[in-house]
Amino acid sequence: MKRATLLLVALLLSGCGYKPISHYTKSITGESISTEVVMTLEDPERSVVVKDAINEAVLMRFQSRLAPQDRAASHLKVEPVSIVFEPMQRDAQGYIIYYRTRVTLKSTLQPRAKAVREYRTTGTYDFPIEPNSALSDALRFESVKNATLKALDELIANIAISKGTS
């Protein structure tokens, strides 16, 4: 029964012309992308976390490969505009037990021989902490990475949408 259902879903998706979003973004970005992150002087460690998240997104979400700028089909420059930690919930004693990390990115995509496109995207990530404890660096970096990946998901959607409007 499960096989029949799975086969039916596969036939429906292939019959209706479904293509993953990476198909549309790849038609703009090409097979390879070089990345650049503008480092912030006040917090260079977070910029490194953002850079790692961008490289991961190129490989996993864009389904492209990383390449040096002179050999890449596209160049993606990302500047973290803001990285903010917002308290979301407090316990009965007033201690913060839930945070939201909000990452806003300004991205510039330069495909070879095509116009430069600028995007501004925001990603959020909510996470709990123990009452009456400090927000550790490890937890902060992990939340910045996850919020950055969500902002990059929004970027990918915007690139795919702009494919249809160009």
N, C-alpha and C. Protein backbone atom coordinates (compact mmCIF):
# COMPACT_ATOMS: atom_id res chain seq x y z
N MET A 1 0.82 -1.19 0.00
CA MET A 1 0.00 0.00 0.00
C MET A 1 0.88 1.27 0.00
N LYS A 2 1.94 1.24 0.85
CA LYS A 2 2.83 2.39 0.90
C LYS A 2 3.54 2.60 -0.43
N ARG A 3 3.94 1.52 -1.07
CA ARG A 3 4.62 1.63 -2.35
C ARG A 3 3.71 2.24 -3.41
N ALA A 4 2.47 1.83 -3.40
CA ALA A 4 1.51 2.35 -4.38
C ALA A 4 1.29 3.85 -4.16
N THR A 5 1.20 4.25 -2.91
CA THR A 5 1.02 5.67 -2.60
C THR A 5 2.25 6.47 -3.00
N LEU A 6 3.41 5.94 -2.68
CA LEU A 6 4.66 6.62 -3.04
C LEU A 6 4.81 6.72 -4.56
N LEU A 7 4.47 5.67 -5.28
CA LEU A 7 4.53 5.68 -6.73
C LEU A 7 3.55 6.70 -7.31
N LEU A 8 2.37 6.77 -6.74
CA LEU A 8 1.36 7.73 -7.20
C LEU A 8 1.83 9.17 -6.99
N VAL A 9 2.41 9.45 -5.83
CA VAL A 9 2.93 10.80 -5.55
C VAL A 9 4.07 11.13 -6.51
N ALA A 10 4.96 10.18 -6.74
CA ALA A 10 6.08 10.40 -7.66
C ALA A 10 5.58 10.68 -9.07
N LEU A 11 4.60 9.93 -9.51
CA LEU A 11 4.04 10.16 -10.85
C LEU A 11 3.36 11.53 -10.96
N LEU A 12 2.63 11.90 -9.91
CA LEU A 12 1.97 13.21 -9.93
C LEU A 12 2.98 14.35 -9.99
N LEU A 13 4.03 14.25 -9.16
CA LEU A 13 5.04 15.32 -9.14
C LEU A 13 5.81 15.38 -10.45
N SER A 14 6.14 14.25 -11.02
CA SER A 14 6.89 14.27 -12.27
C SER A 14 5.98 14.65 -13.43
N GLY A 15 4.72 14.30 -13.35
CA GLY A 15 3.78 14.62 -14.42
C GLY A 15 3.40 16.09 -14.46
N CYS A 16 3.47 16.77 -13.33
CA CYS A 16 3.07 18.18 -13.31
C CYS A 16 4.24 19.11 -13.57
N GLY A 17 5.42 18.56 -13.83
CA GLY A 17 6.56 19.40 -14.15
C GLY A 17 7.25 19.98 -12.92
N TYR A 18 7.10 19.35 -11.78
CA TYR A 18 7.73 19.85 -10.56
C TYR A 18 9.25 19.84 -10.71
N LYS A 19 9.85 20.95 -10.33
CA LYS A 19 11.30 21.04 -10.28
C LYS A 19 11.67 21.69 -8.96
N PRO A 20 12.73 21.19 -8.30
CA PRO A 20 13.12 21.80 -7.03
C PRO A 20 13.62 23.22 -7.25
N ILE A 21 13.57 24.02 -6.20
CA ILE A 21 13.95 25.43 -6.30
C ILE A 21 15.41 25.57 -6.72
N SER A 22 16.24 24.59 -6.37
CA SER A 22 17.66 24.67 -6.76
C SER A 22 17.81 24.66 -8.28
N HIS A 23 16.86 24.07 -8.99
CA HIS A 23 16.90 24.06 -10.45
C HIS A 23 16.81 25.50 -10.99
N TYR A 24 15.92 26.30 -10.40
CA TYR A 24 15.74 27.67 -10.86
C TYR A 24 16.90 28.57 -10.44
N THR A 25 17.40 28.38 -9.22
CA THR A 25 18.52 29.20 -8.79
C THR A 25 19.78 28.85 -9.58
N LYS A 26 19.95 27.59 -9.91
CA LYS A 26 21.15 27.17 -10.66
C LYS A 26 21.15 27.77 -12.07
N SER A 27 19.96 28.01 -12.63
CA SER A 27 19.91 28.62 -13.97
C SER A 27 20.40 30.07 -13.92
N ILE A 28 20.38 30.68 -12.75
CA ILE A 28 20.89 32.05 -12.58
C ILE A 28 22.35 32.01 -12.12
N THR A 29 22.63 31.19 -11.11
CA THR A 29 23.97 31.20 -10.51
C THR A 29 24.98 30.35 -11.26
N GLY A 30 24.53 29.34 -11.99
CA GLY A 30 25.45 28.45 -12.67
C GLY A 30 25.87 27.31 -11.75
N GLU A 31 26.83 26.54 -12.21
CA GLU A 31 27.26 25.34 -11.48
C GLU A 31 28.21 25.63 -10.32
N SER A 32 28.86 26.79 -10.33
CA SER A 32 29.83 27.09 -9.28
C SER A 32 29.64 28.53 -8.79
N ILE A 33 29.89 28.70 -7.50
CA ILE A 33 29.72 30.01 -6.85
C ILE A 33 30.94 30.29 -5.99
N SER A 34 31.43 31.51 -6.06
CA SER A 34 32.45 31.96 -5.10
C SER A 34 31.73 32.79 -4.05
N THR A 35 32.22 32.75 -2.83
CA THR A 35 31.57 33.49 -1.75
C THR A 35 32.54 34.45 -1.10
N GLU A 36 31.97 35.51 -0.58
CA GLU A 36 32.74 36.52 0.16
C GLU A 36 31.84 37.05 1.27
N VAL A 37 32.38 37.15 2.46
CA VAL A 37 31.63 37.71 3.58
C VAL A 37 32.37 38.95 4.05
N VAL A 38 31.66 40.04 4.17
CA VAL A 38 32.23 41.27 4.70
C VAL A 38 32.33 41.10 6.21
N MET A 39 33.54 41.11 6.72
CA MET A 39 33.77 40.91 8.16
C MET A 39 33.41 42.16 8.94
N THR A 40 32.78 41.95 10.08
CA THR A 40 32.48 43.07 10.96
C THR A 40 33.58 43.18 12.00
N LEU A 41 34.07 44.38 12.20
CA LEU A 41 35.18 44.58 13.13
C LEU A 41 34.76 44.38 14.58
N GLU A 42 33.50 44.69 14.91
CA GLU A 42 33.09 44.58 16.30
C GLU A 42 32.89 43.12 16.74
N ASP A 43 32.67 42.21 15.80
CA ASP A 43 32.49 40.81 16.16
C ASP A 43 32.92 39.90 15.01
N PRO A 44 34.23 39.76 14.79
CA PRO A 44 34.70 38.94 13.66
C PRO A 44 34.37 37.46 13.80
N GLU A 45 34.20 36.97 15.04
CA GLU A 45 33.89 35.55 15.23
C GLU A 45 32.54 35.20 14.61
N ARG A 46 31.57 36.07 14.76
CA ARG A 46 30.25 35.83 14.16
C ARG A 46 30.33 35.85 12.65
N SER A 47 31.19 36.70 12.09
CA SER A 47 31.35 36.75 10.64
C SER A 47 31.88 35.43 10.11
N VAL A 48 32.75 34.78 10.88
CA VAL A 48 33.28 33.47 10.47
C VAL A 48 32.15 32.44 10.48
N VAL A 49 31.27 32.51 11.48
CA VAL A 49 30.12 31.61 11.54
C VAL A 49 29.22 31.83 10.33
N VAL A 50 29.00 33.10 9.97
CA VAL A 50 28.18 33.42 8.80
C VAL A 50 28.84 32.86 7.54
N LYS A 51 30.14 33.01 7.40
CA LYS A 51 30.87 32.50 6.24
C LYS A 51 30.71 30.97 6.12
N ASP A 52 30.83 30.26 7.24
CA ASP A 52 30.65 28.81 7.23
C ASP A 52 29.23 28.44 6.80
N ALA A 53 28.25 29.18 7.30
CA ALA A 53 26.86 28.90 6.94
C ALA A 53 26.61 29.15 5.45
N ILE A 54 27.22 30.19 4.92
CA ILE A 54 27.06 30.50 3.49
C ILE A 54 27.68 29.40 2.63
N ASN A 55 28.86 28.96 2.98
CA ASN A 55 29.50 27.87 2.23
C ASN A 55 28.67 26.59 2.30
N GLU A 56 28.11 26.31 3.47
CA GLU A 56 27.24 25.14 3.62
C GLU A 56 26.00 25.28 2.75
N ALA A 57 25.42 26.47 2.70
CA ALA A 57 24.22 26.71 1.89
C ALA A 57 24.52 26.56 0.40
N VAL A 58 25.67 27.02 -0.04
CA VAL A 58 26.03 26.88 -1.47
C VAL A 58 26.08 25.40 -1.83
N LEU A 59 26.67 24.59 -0.97
CA LEU A 59 26.79 23.17 -1.26
C LEU A 59 25.47 22.43 -1.13
N MET A 60 24.73 22.69 -0.06
CA MET A 60 23.54 21.90 0.24
C MET A 60 22.25 22.50 -0.33
N ARG A 61 22.09 23.80 -0.24
CA ARG A 61 20.83 24.40 -0.64
C ARG A 61 20.84 24.89 -2.10
N PHE A 62 21.93 25.54 -2.51
CA PHE A 62 22.05 25.95 -3.92
C PHE A 62 22.36 24.76 -4.82
N GLN A 63 22.87 23.68 -4.22
CA GLN A 63 23.31 22.48 -4.95
C GLN A 63 24.36 22.85 -6.00
N SER A 64 25.27 23.73 -5.62
CA SER A 64 26.38 24.15 -6.48
C SER A 64 27.68 23.82 -5.77
N ARG A 65 28.78 24.08 -6.45
CA ARG A 65 30.07 23.85 -5.82
C ARG A 65 30.76 25.19 -5.60
N LEU A 66 31.65 25.21 -4.63
CA LEU A 66 32.44 26.40 -4.34
C LEU A 66 33.61 26.47 -5.30
N ALA A 67 33.95 27.68 -5.72
CA ALA A 67 35.06 27.86 -6.66
C ALA A 67 35.73 29.19 -6.37
N PRO A 68 37.00 29.35 -6.77
CA PRO A 68 37.64 30.66 -6.66
C PRO A 68 36.89 31.67 -7.54
N GLN A 69 36.94 32.93 -7.17
CA GLN A 69 36.17 33.95 -7.86
C GLN A 69 36.47 34.02 -9.36
N ASP A 70 37.74 33.84 -9.75
CA ASP A 70 38.09 33.95 -11.17
C ASP A 70 37.59 32.76 -12.01
N ARG A 71 37.18 31.67 -11.36
CA ARG A 71 36.68 30.51 -12.10
C ARG A 71 35.21 30.19 -11.82
N ALA A 72 34.57 30.98 -10.99
CA ALA A 72 33.18 30.72 -10.61
C ALA A 72 32.21 31.31 -11.62
N ALA A 73 31.07 30.65 -11.76
CA ALA A 73 30.01 31.15 -12.65
C ALA A 73 29.31 32.35 -12.03
N SER A 74 29.32 32.44 -10.70
CA SER A 74 28.69 33.56 -9.98
C SER A 74 29.50 33.90 -8.74
N HIS A 75 29.34 35.13 -8.29
CA HIS A 75 29.99 35.56 -7.06
C HIS A 75 28.91 36.06 -6.10
N LEU A 76 28.91 35.52 -4.88
CA LEU A 76 27.95 35.91 -3.86
C LEU A 76 28.68 36.63 -2.74
N LYS A 77 28.36 37.90 -2.57
CA LYS A 77 28.96 38.71 -1.50
C LYS A 77 27.87 38.96 -0.46
N VAL A 78 28.18 38.64 0.79
CA VAL A 78 27.20 38.77 1.86
C VAL A 78 27.77 39.64 2.97
N GLU A 79 26.94 40.58 3.40
CA GLU A 79 27.32 41.45 4.51
C GLU A 79 26.29 41.30 5.62
N PRO A 80 26.72 40.83 6.80
CA PRO A 80 25.77 40.78 7.92
C PRO A 80 25.44 42.22 8.35
N VAL A 81 24.20 42.61 8.16
CA VAL A 81 23.77 43.96 8.52
C VAL A 81 23.54 44.03 10.03
N SER A 82 22.88 43.01 10.57
CA SER A 82 22.68 42.97 12.02
C SER A 82 22.52 41.54 12.50
N ILE A 83 23.01 41.32 13.70
CA ILE A 83 22.84 40.05 14.40
C ILE A 83 22.37 40.42 15.80
N VAL A 84 21.12 40.08 16.10
CA VAL A 84 20.50 40.53 17.34
C VAL A 84 19.97 39.33 18.13
N PHE A 85 20.16 39.35 19.43
CA PHE A 85 19.59 38.35 20.33
C PHE A 85 18.47 39.02 21.11
N GLU A 86 17.25 38.52 20.94
CA GLU A 86 16.08 39.11 21.59
C GLU A 86 15.52 38.15 22.63
N PRO A 87 15.33 38.61 23.87
CA PRO A 87 14.66 37.74 24.85
C PRO A 87 13.20 37.54 24.43
N MET A 88 12.74 36.29 24.46
CA MET A 88 11.38 35.99 24.03
C MET A 88 10.47 35.60 25.19
N GLN A 89 11.03 34.92 26.20
CA GLN A 89 10.19 34.45 27.30
C GLN A 89 11.00 34.45 28.59
N ARG A 90 10.30 34.77 29.68
CA ARG A 90 10.94 34.77 31.01
C ARG A 90 10.20 33.80 31.91
N ASP A 91 10.91 33.29 32.91
CA ASP A 91 10.24 32.41 33.86
C ASP A 91 9.60 33.24 34.97
N ALA A 92 9.05 32.59 35.98
CA ALA A 92 8.34 33.28 37.06
C ALA A 92 9.25 34.22 37.85
N GLN A 93 10.55 33.92 37.91
CA GLN A 93 11.49 34.77 38.64
C GLN A 93 12.04 35.90 37.76
N GLY A 94 11.68 35.94 36.52
CA GLY A 94 12.13 37.01 35.63
C GLY A 94 13.37 36.69 34.82
N TYR A 95 13.89 35.45 34.94
CA TYR A 95 15.06 35.05 34.16
C TYR A 95 14.64 34.70 32.73
N ILE A 96 15.48 35.06 31.78
CA ILE A 96 15.20 34.76 30.39
C ILE A 96 15.41 33.26 30.16
N ILE A 97 14.40 32.63 29.55
CA ILE A 97 14.51 31.19 29.28
C ILE A 97 14.37 30.87 27.79
N TYR A 98 14.09 31.88 26.99
CA TYR A 98 13.94 31.67 25.55
C TYR A 98 14.44 32.89 24.81
N TYR A 99 15.29 32.67 23.82
CA TYR A 99 15.83 33.76 22.99
C TYR A 99 15.45 33.56 21.53
N ARG A 100 15.50 34.64 20.80
CA ARG A 100 15.39 34.61 19.34
C ARG A 100 16.62 35.32 18.79
N THR A 101 17.29 34.65 17.85
CA THR A 101 18.39 35.26 17.14
C THR A 101 17.85 35.73 15.80
N ARG A 102 18.09 36.99 15.46
CA ARG A 102 17.64 37.56 14.20
C ARG A 102 18.88 38.02 13.43
N VAL A 103 19.07 37.44 12.23
CA VAL A 103 20.20 37.79 11.38
C VAL A 103 19.67 38.43 10.11
N THR A 104 20.15 39.63 9.82
CA THR A 104 19.77 40.32 8.58
C THR A 104 21.01 40.41 7.70
N LEU A 105 20.86 39.97 6.46
CA LEU A 105 21.97 39.93 5.51
C LEU A 105 21.67 40.82 4.31
N LYS A 106 22.70 41.51 3.84
CA LYS A 106 22.63 42.21 2.55
C LYS A 106 23.51 41.40 1.60
N SER A 107 22.89 40.85 0.56
CA SER A 107 23.60 39.97 -0.35
C SER A 107 23.63 40.57 -1.74
N THR A 108 24.75 40.40 -2.41
CA THR A 108 24.92 40.84 -3.79
C THR A 108 25.32 39.61 -4.60
N LEU A 109 24.52 39.31 -5.62
CA LEU A 109 24.81 38.18 -6.49
C LEU A 109 25.22 38.71 -7.85
N GLN A 110 26.40 38.29 -8.31
CA GLN A 110 26.93 38.71 -9.61
C GLN A 110 27.17 37.49 -10.48
N PRO A 111 26.14 37.08 -11.27
CA PRO A 111 26.40 36.01 -12.24
C PRO A 111 27.26 36.55 -13.37
N ARG A 112 28.08 35.70 -13.98
CA ARG A 112 28.93 36.13 -15.10
C ARG A 112 28.07 36.70 -16.22
N ALA A 113 28.48 37.85 -16.72
CA ALA A 113 27.84 38.50 -17.87
C ALA A 113 26.36 38.79 -17.64
N LYS A 114 25.95 38.96 -16.39
CA LYS A 114 24.57 39.31 -16.09
C LYS A 114 24.59 40.45 -15.08
N ALA A 115 23.44 41.07 -14.92
CA ALA A 115 23.32 42.21 -14.01
C ALA A 115 23.48 41.77 -12.55
N VAL A 116 24.04 42.68 -11.76
CA VAL A 116 24.18 42.46 -10.32
C VAL A 116 22.80 42.56 -9.68
N ARG A 117 22.53 41.65 -8.76
CA ARG A 117 21.26 41.67 -8.05
C ARG A 117 21.55 41.81 -6.56
N GLU A 118 20.80 42.68 -5.91
CA GLU A 118 20.95 42.87 -4.46
C GLU A 118 19.71 42.38 -3.74
N TYR A 119 19.94 41.75 -2.61
CA TYR A 119 18.85 41.20 -1.81
C TYR A 119 19.11 41.54 -0.34
N ARG A 120 18.04 41.72 0.41
CA ARG A 120 18.12 41.91 1.86
C ARG A 120 17.19 40.88 2.47
N THR A 121 17.76 39.98 3.26
CA THR A 121 16.97 38.89 3.82
C THR A 121 17.19 38.80 5.33
N THR A 122 16.21 38.21 6.00
CA THR A 122 16.28 38.06 7.45
C THR A 122 15.91 36.63 7.82
N GLY A 123 16.65 36.07 8.73
CA GLY A 123 16.35 34.75 9.26
C GLY A 123 16.31 34.80 10.78
N THR A 124 15.45 33.99 11.36
CA THR A 124 15.36 33.94 12.82
C THR A 124 15.52 32.50 13.30
N TYR A 125 15.97 32.39 14.52
CA TYR A 125 16.10 31.08 15.15
C TYR A 125 15.80 31.25 16.63
N ASP A 126 14.83 30.47 17.13
CA ASP A 126 14.42 30.52 18.54
C ASP A 126 15.04 29.34 19.29
N PHE A 127 15.50 29.60 20.51
CA PHE A 127 16.12 28.53 21.29
C PHE A 127 15.97 28.79 22.78
N PRO A 128 15.87 27.71 23.57
CA PRO A 128 15.76 27.86 25.02
C PRO A 128 17.13 27.86 25.69
N ILE A 129 17.19 28.44 26.89
CA ILE A 129 18.38 28.32 27.73
C ILE A 129 17.90 27.98 29.14
N GLU A 130 18.80 27.49 29.94
CA GLU A 130 18.47 27.17 31.32
C GLU A 130 18.22 28.45 32.10
N PRO A 131 17.23 28.46 32.99
CA PRO A 131 17.00 29.66 33.81
C PRO A 131 18.25 30.02 34.62
N ASN A 132 18.49 31.31 34.75
CA ASN A 132 19.60 31.83 35.54
C ASN A 132 20.96 31.38 35.01
N SER A 133 21.06 31.20 33.69
CA SER A 133 22.35 30.84 33.11
C SER A 133 22.72 31.87 32.05
N ALA A 134 24.00 31.93 31.76
CA ALA A 134 24.48 32.87 30.74
C ALA A 134 24.36 32.23 29.36
N LEU A 135 24.25 33.07 28.37
CA LEU A 135 24.19 32.62 26.98
C LEU A 135 25.61 32.29 26.54
N SER A 136 25.92 31.01 26.37
CA SER A 136 27.29 30.59 26.05
C SER A 136 27.65 30.95 24.61
N ASP A 137 28.95 31.06 24.35
CA ASP A 137 29.42 31.35 22.99
C ASP A 137 29.00 30.25 22.02
N ALA A 138 29.10 29.00 22.46
CA ALA A 138 28.74 27.88 21.58
C ALA A 138 27.27 27.97 21.17
N LEU A 139 26.40 28.26 22.12
CA LEU A 139 24.98 28.38 21.83
C LEU A 139 24.71 29.59 20.94
N ARG A 140 25.41 30.68 21.20
CA ARG A 140 25.27 31.89 20.37
C ARG A 140 25.68 31.62 18.93
N PHE A 141 26.84 30.99 18.75
CA PHE A 141 27.33 30.71 17.39
C PHE A 141 26.41 29.76 16.65
N GLU A 142 25.91 28.75 17.35
CA GLU A 142 24.98 27.80 16.72
C GLU A 142 23.68 28.50 16.30
N SER A 143 23.20 29.40 17.13
CA SER A 143 21.96 30.10 16.79
C SER A 143 22.19 31.08 15.63
N VAL A 144 23.35 31.71 15.58
CA VAL A 144 23.68 32.61 14.46
C VAL A 144 23.75 31.80 13.17
N LYS A 145 24.36 30.63 13.22
CA LYS A 145 24.45 29.79 12.04
C LYS A 145 23.06 29.39 11.54
N ASN A 146 22.20 28.95 12.45
CA ASN A 146 20.85 28.53 12.05
C ASN A 146 20.02 29.69 11.51
N ALA A 147 20.12 30.86 12.12
CA ALA A 147 19.39 32.03 11.63
C ALA A 147 19.94 32.46 10.26
N THR A 148 21.25 32.35 10.07
CA THR A 148 21.86 32.69 8.78
C THR A 148 21.37 31.73 7.70
N LEU A 149 21.29 30.45 8.01
CA LEU A 149 20.79 29.47 7.04
C LEU A 149 19.35 29.79 6.64
N LYS A 150 18.55 30.24 7.60
CA LYS A 150 17.16 30.61 7.27
C LYS A 150 17.13 31.87 6.40
N ALA A 151 18.02 32.82 6.66
CA ALA A 151 18.10 34.01 5.81
C ALA A 151 18.55 33.62 4.40
N LEU A 152 19.44 32.64 4.30
CA LEU A 152 19.89 32.17 2.99
C LEU A 152 18.79 31.40 2.27
N ASP A 153 17.94 30.70 3.01
CA ASP A 153 16.77 30.06 2.38
C ASP A 153 15.87 31.12 1.75
N GLU A 154 15.70 32.24 2.46
CA GLU A 154 14.92 33.34 1.90
C GLU A 154 15.61 33.91 0.66
N LEU A 155 16.93 34.01 0.70
CA LEU A 155 17.69 34.49 -0.45
C LEU A 155 17.48 33.58 -1.66
N ILE A 156 17.54 32.27 -1.44
CA ILE A 156 17.34 31.32 -2.53
C ILE A 156 15.94 31.48 -3.13
N ALA A 157 14.95 31.65 -2.28
CA ALA A 157 13.58 31.87 -2.77
C ALA A 157 13.50 33.16 -3.59
N ASN A 158 14.15 34.21 -3.12
CA ASN A 158 14.14 35.49 -3.85
C ASN A 158 14.83 35.37 -5.20
N ILE A 159 15.92 34.60 -5.25
CA ILE A 159 16.62 34.40 -6.52
C ILE A 159 15.72 33.64 -7.49
N ALA A 160 15.06 32.60 -6.99
CA ALA A 160 14.15 31.83 -7.86
C ALA A 160 12.99 32.67 -8.34
N ILE A 161 12.46 33.53 -7.49
CA ILE A 161 11.36 34.42 -7.88
C ILE A 161 11.85 35.41 -8.94
N SER A 162 13.05 35.95 -8.73
CA SER A 162 13.56 36.92 -9.72
C SER A 162 13.82 36.26 -11.06
N LYS A 163 14.04 34.96 -11.09
CA LYS A 163 14.20 34.22 -12.35
C LYS A 163 12.93 34.34 -13.18
N GLY A 164 11.79 34.27 -12.50
CA GLY A 164 10.52 34.38 -13.21
C GLY A 164 10.18 35.78 -13.64
N THR A 165 10.77 36.80 -12.98
CA THR A 165 10.45 38.19 -13.32
C THR A 165 11.46 38.82 -14.25
N SER A 166 12.57 38.11 -14.56
CA SER A 166 13.57 38.72 -15.43
C SER A 166 13.38 38.35 -16.88
